[in-house]
Amino acid sequence: MERKVAIIVPAKNEEKFLPNLIQSLEVQTFQNFWRILADAASTDRTRQIANENGFIITEGGHPYLGRNNGAKKAIELGAEILIFVDADVVLPHEQFLELALNEFEGKKLDVAGPLLQPYEVHDGEIRVSRDWRFQFIYHISNLGMLLLENTTKPAFQVFMMSRTKVHKTIGGFKPLEFAEDSRYAVDAVSHGFKFGIIKKCGKILVSPRRFQRKGFFGSGVPYFLTNYLLGREVYVHNAKRKYFED
């Protein structure tokens, strides 16, 4: 059976990181997917890079909006599996997509995501970060996702797989400043869909840039955790603190 897959990337001024993601997509053994970039009025070469590499471009905004706009376009094209990928993500090896899709379908999952590990660029080469601080942060993040996997409040981020029927049923990503990704998983489970953490593909590589730029506390993570664990939702237009750059 032919897989109808769309990879959706919300972006704003990602000329530094987007080429790394594109390079990792180019070498995948599975190549039958649409590439969609939801651009939030970038002022750098983001759109040009996307155009040069076969992306369909739609308008973006805050990440929740970019993902929803990208999904709308993907559904119009006939996609049945939506993969939401952050622009600073790198697929760790050439079989990642194939293995991820095999596990997704083999376990009959409706929504899923992998575990994470931080990467760094050294002499032009992408490799797993050796910084213990970033390793520790993502170790805790992975542990949290594993502990919550089979609960009514699952969590995932940066690389999110979903069936089109799920996206339509739950109405897409909610306009949240924090945890709009995990809220998506929670909404899916609440509607009876099956969530899972996929492991056979390995851990996705993600840039620790937010922690490098702002530090752990300045990144907004403690603020996010406090609100998420207490069940509080921070909507975009009412947030006292911004997790994402404007």
Protein backbone atom coordinates (compact mmCIF):
# COMPACT_ATOMS: atom_id res chain seq x y z
CA MET A 1 0.00 0.00 0.00
CA GLU A 2 1.34 3.42 -0.97
CA ARG A 3 1.96 5.70 1.98
CA LYS A 4 0.62 9.22 1.55
CA VAL A 5 2.84 11.24 3.85
CA ALA A 6 3.41 14.95 4.33
CA ILE A 7 6.24 16.52 6.31
CA ILE A 8 5.20 19.89 7.72
CA VAL A 9 7.77 22.38 9.01
CA PRO A 10 6.72 25.62 10.77
CA ALA A 11 9.49 28.18 10.40
CA LYS A 12 10.61 31.74 10.87
CA ASN A 13 14.12 32.90 9.93
CA GLU A 14 15.54 29.38 9.87
CA GLU A 15 18.23 29.80 7.20
CA LYS A 16 20.86 28.49 9.64
CA PHE A 17 19.06 25.30 10.70
CA LEU A 18 16.74 24.41 7.81
CA PRO A 19 19.55 23.16 5.52
CA ASN A 20 20.55 20.59 8.16
CA LEU A 21 17.01 19.22 8.25
CA ILE A 22 16.81 19.21 4.45
CA GLN A 23 20.11 17.35 4.13
CA SER A 24 18.86 14.65 6.48
CA LEU A 25 15.61 14.35 4.48
CA GLU A 26 17.47 14.00 1.19
CA VAL A 27 19.23 10.78 2.20
CA GLN A 28 16.18 8.97 3.60
CA THR A 29 15.43 5.54 2.16
CA PHE A 30 11.74 6.52 2.22
CA GLN A 31 11.20 9.45 -0.14
CA ASN A 32 7.52 9.42 -1.04
CA PHE A 33 6.42 12.49 0.90
CA TRP A 34 5.30 16.04 0.32
CA ARG A 35 7.41 18.78 1.87
CA ILE A 36 5.47 21.72 3.26
CA LEU A 37 6.95 24.79 4.92
CA ALA A 38 4.65 27.12 6.87
CA ASP A 39 6.60 30.35 6.91
CA ALA A 40 5.95 33.08 9.48
CA ALA A 41 7.06 36.04 7.35
CA SER A 42 10.76 35.22 7.40
CA THR A 43 13.12 38.08 6.57
CA ASP A 44 16.12 35.86 5.78
CA ARG A 45 16.62 33.15 3.10
CA THR A 46 14.23 30.62 4.64
CA ARG A 47 11.69 30.77 1.81
CA GLN A 48 14.36 30.73 -0.86
CA ILE A 49 16.00 27.64 0.66
CA ALA A 50 12.64 25.91 0.91
CA ASN A 51 11.75 26.78 -2.70
CA GLU A 52 15.08 25.47 -3.95
CA ASN A 53 14.49 22.17 -2.20
CA GLY A 54 11.02 21.28 -3.37
CA PHE A 55 8.91 22.60 -0.51
CA ILE A 56 5.36 23.79 -0.94
CA ILE A 57 5.14 27.05 0.99
CA THR A 58 2.12 28.19 2.95
CA GLU A 59 1.69 31.03 5.40
CA GLY A 60 2.66 30.41 9.00
CA GLY A 61 2.74 32.32 12.25
CA HIS A 62 3.02 30.99 15.77
CA PRO A 63 4.04 27.28 15.60
CA TYR A 64 0.50 26.04 16.31
CA LEU A 65 -0.81 28.11 13.39
CA GLY A 66 1.98 27.07 11.05
CA ARG A 67 1.36 23.42 11.76
CA ASN A 68 -2.38 23.79 11.23
CA ASN A 69 -1.93 25.70 7.97
CA GLY A 70 0.57 23.14 6.77
CA ALA A 71 -1.78 20.30 7.68
CA LYS A 72 -4.62 21.95 5.78
CA LYS A 73 -2.48 22.03 2.64
CA ALA A 74 -1.33 18.45 3.19
CA ILE A 75 -4.90 17.22 3.53
CA GLU A 76 -5.84 19.04 0.32
CA LEU A 77 -3.04 17.13 -1.41
CA GLY A 78 -4.36 13.82 -0.11
CA ALA A 79 -1.95 13.07 2.75
CA GLU A 80 -3.05 10.40 5.23
CA ILE A 81 -0.10 10.67 7.62
CA LEU A 82 1.07 14.07 8.84
CA ILE A 83 4.57 14.50 10.28
CA PHE A 84 5.16 17.80 12.06
CA VAL A 85 8.88 18.56 12.29
CA ASP A 86 10.59 21.56 13.88
CA ALA A 87 13.07 23.35 11.64
CA ASP A 88 16.03 22.75 13.97
CA VAL A 89 15.59 18.97 13.92
CA VAL A 90 17.87 16.51 12.11
CA LEU A 91 16.96 12.93 11.23
CA PRO A 92 19.83 10.86 12.69
CA HIS A 93 20.25 8.25 9.94
CA GLU A 94 18.99 7.38 6.47
CA GLN A 95 16.45 4.77 7.57
CA PHE A 96 14.82 6.94 10.21
CA LEU A 97 11.62 7.75 8.32
CA GLU A 98 11.18 4.21 7.04
CA LEU A 99 11.62 2.67 10.49
CA ALA A 100 9.42 5.30 12.13
CA LEU A 101 6.60 4.68 9.66
CA ASN A 102 6.97 0.90 9.96
CA GLU A 103 6.64 1.05 13.74
CA PHE A 104 3.82 3.60 13.55
CA GLU A 105 1.81 1.33 11.27
CA GLY A 106 2.96 -1.96 12.83
CA LYS A 107 1.69 -0.90 16.25
CA LYS A 108 -1.43 0.60 14.66
CA LEU A 109 -0.74 3.95 16.29
CA ASP A 110 -2.69 7.08 15.50
CA VAL A 111 -0.32 9.61 17.08
CA ALA A 112 3.35 9.08 17.92
CA GLY A 113 6.75 10.62 18.42
CA PRO A 114 10.35 9.49 19.09
CA LEU A 115 12.72 10.18 21.94
CA LEU A 116 15.16 13.10 21.69
CA GLN A 117 18.86 13.84 21.89
CA PRO A 118 20.72 17.15 21.41
CA TYR A 119 23.11 17.73 18.54
CA GLU A 120 25.97 20.09 17.83
CA VAL A 121 27.82 21.06 14.67
CA HIS A 122 31.58 20.56 14.89
CA ASP A 123 33.77 21.44 11.89
CA GLY A 124 30.70 21.24 9.67
CA GLU A 125 29.75 17.79 10.98
CA ILE A 126 26.52 17.12 12.87
CA ARG A 127 27.00 14.91 15.90
CA VAL A 128 25.37 14.15 19.23
CA SER A 129 26.16 16.93 21.70
CA ARG A 130 28.71 16.05 24.37
CA ASP A 131 27.52 18.83 26.67
CA TRP A 132 26.31 17.11 29.86
CA ARG A 133 23.83 19.92 30.54
CA PHE A 134 21.93 19.34 27.30
CA GLN A 135 22.20 15.58 27.65
CA PHE A 136 20.68 15.86 31.12
CA ILE A 137 17.81 18.10 29.96
CA TYR A 138 16.82 15.73 27.16
CA HIS A 139 17.30 12.67 29.34
CA ILE A 140 14.72 14.11 31.74
CA SER A 141 12.46 14.99 28.81
CA ASN A 142 12.68 11.44 27.45
CA LEU A 143 12.00 9.96 30.86
CA GLY A 144 8.90 12.14 31.20
CA MET A 145 7.57 11.09 27.80
CA LEU A 146 8.09 7.41 28.60
CA LEU A 147 6.39 7.68 31.99
CA LEU A 148 3.40 9.48 30.45
CA GLU A 149 3.13 7.29 27.34
CA ASN A 150 0.24 5.11 28.48
CA THR A 151 -1.60 7.71 30.53
CA THR A 152 -4.39 10.13 29.66
CA LYS A 153 -1.81 12.92 29.50
CA PRO A 154 0.91 11.81 27.05
CA ALA A 155 3.62 14.18 25.82
CA PHE A 156 5.74 14.56 22.69
CA GLN A 157 7.57 17.29 20.78
CA VAL A 158 9.67 18.39 17.74
CA PHE A 159 8.78 15.32 15.57
CA MET A 160 5.10 14.43 15.73
CA MET A 161 3.31 11.82 13.62
CA SER A 162 -0.46 11.87 13.26
CA ARG A 163 -3.08 10.38 11.03
CA THR A 164 -5.20 12.85 9.10
CA LYS A 165 -8.35 11.53 10.74
CA VAL A 166 -6.91 12.46 14.15
CA HIS A 167 -6.09 15.99 13.08
CA LYS A 168 -9.57 16.51 11.68
CA THR A 169 -11.31 15.03 14.72
CA ILE A 170 -9.49 17.11 17.35
CA GLY A 171 -9.40 20.29 15.29
CA GLY A 172 -5.62 20.51 15.04
CA PHE A 173 -3.24 22.24 17.42
CA LYS A 174 -4.71 24.57 20.02
CA PRO A 175 -3.49 28.23 20.17
CA LEU A 176 -1.27 27.66 23.20
CA GLU A 177 1.96 29.42 24.08
CA PHE A 178 3.17 26.32 25.94
CA ALA A 179 2.62 22.58 25.37
CA GLU A 180 0.50 22.89 22.24
CA ASP A 181 2.30 19.78 21.00
CA SER A 182 1.53 17.62 24.03
CA ARG A 183 -2.01 19.03 24.20
CA TYR A 184 -2.43 17.61 20.69
CA ALA A 185 -1.56 14.14 22.02
CA VAL A 186 -3.85 14.57 25.02
CA ASP A 187 -6.74 15.59 22.76
CA ALA A 188 -6.11 12.56 20.54
CA VAL A 189 -6.17 10.13 23.45
CA SER A 190 -9.30 11.73 24.86
CA HIS A 191 -11.03 10.92 21.57
CA GLY A 192 -10.01 7.28 21.74
CA PHE A 193 -6.99 7.38 19.43
CA LYS A 194 -3.87 5.34 20.19
CA PHE A 195 -0.68 7.18 21.21
CA GLY A 196 2.81 5.74 21.41
CA ILE A 197 6.50 6.58 21.68
CA ILE A 198 8.37 5.02 18.75
CA LYS A 199 11.82 3.64 19.57
CA LYS A 200 13.10 1.39 16.78
CA CYS A 201 14.03 4.36 14.60
CA GLY A 202 16.32 5.81 17.27
CA LYS A 203 16.32 9.23 18.86
CA ILE A 204 15.66 12.34 16.79
CA LEU A 205 18.37 15.01 16.88
CA VAL A 206 17.29 18.46 18.09
CA SER A 207 19.25 21.66 18.50
CA PRO A 208 19.63 22.90 22.10
CA ARG A 209 19.67 26.47 20.79
CA ARG A 210 16.97 27.71 23.14
CA PHE A 211 19.03 26.65 26.14
CA GLN A 212 22.24 27.99 24.60
CA ARG A 213 20.68 31.39 24.00
CA LYS A 214 18.64 31.87 27.16
CA GLY A 215 19.80 29.25 29.63
CA PHE A 216 17.57 26.66 31.27
CA PHE A 217 15.54 29.09 33.37
CA GLY A 218 15.39 31.82 30.73
CA SER A 219 14.16 29.35 28.13
CA GLY A 220 10.77 29.18 29.79
CA VAL A 221 10.94 25.45 30.53
CA PRO A 222 10.33 25.77 34.30
CA TYR A 223 7.36 28.04 33.55
CA PHE A 224 6.06 25.49 31.06
CA LEU A 225 6.47 22.57 33.48
CA THR A 226 4.75 24.39 36.32
CA ASN A 227 1.72 25.20 34.22
CA TYR A 228 1.62 21.84 32.44
CA LEU A 229 1.82 19.77 35.62
CA LEU A 230 -0.82 21.91 37.31
CA GLY A 231 -3.11 21.57 34.33
CA ARG A 232 -3.05 25.26 33.45
CA GLU A 233 -3.18 26.27 29.82
CA VAL A 234 -1.35 29.35 28.59
CA TYR A 235 -2.97 30.73 25.47
CA VAL A 236 -0.93 32.73 22.97
CA HIS A 237 -2.69 36.05 23.39
CA ASN A 238 -2.93 35.85 27.18
CA ALA A 239 0.57 34.64 28.03
CA LYS A 240 2.60 36.69 30.51
CA ARG A 241 5.73 35.04 29.21
CA LYS A 242 6.57 34.11 25.64
CA TYR A 243 8.12 30.73 24.97
CA PHE A 244 8.63 31.38 21.27
CA GLU A 245 10.33 34.34 19.64
CA ASP A 246 8.03 36.84 17.95
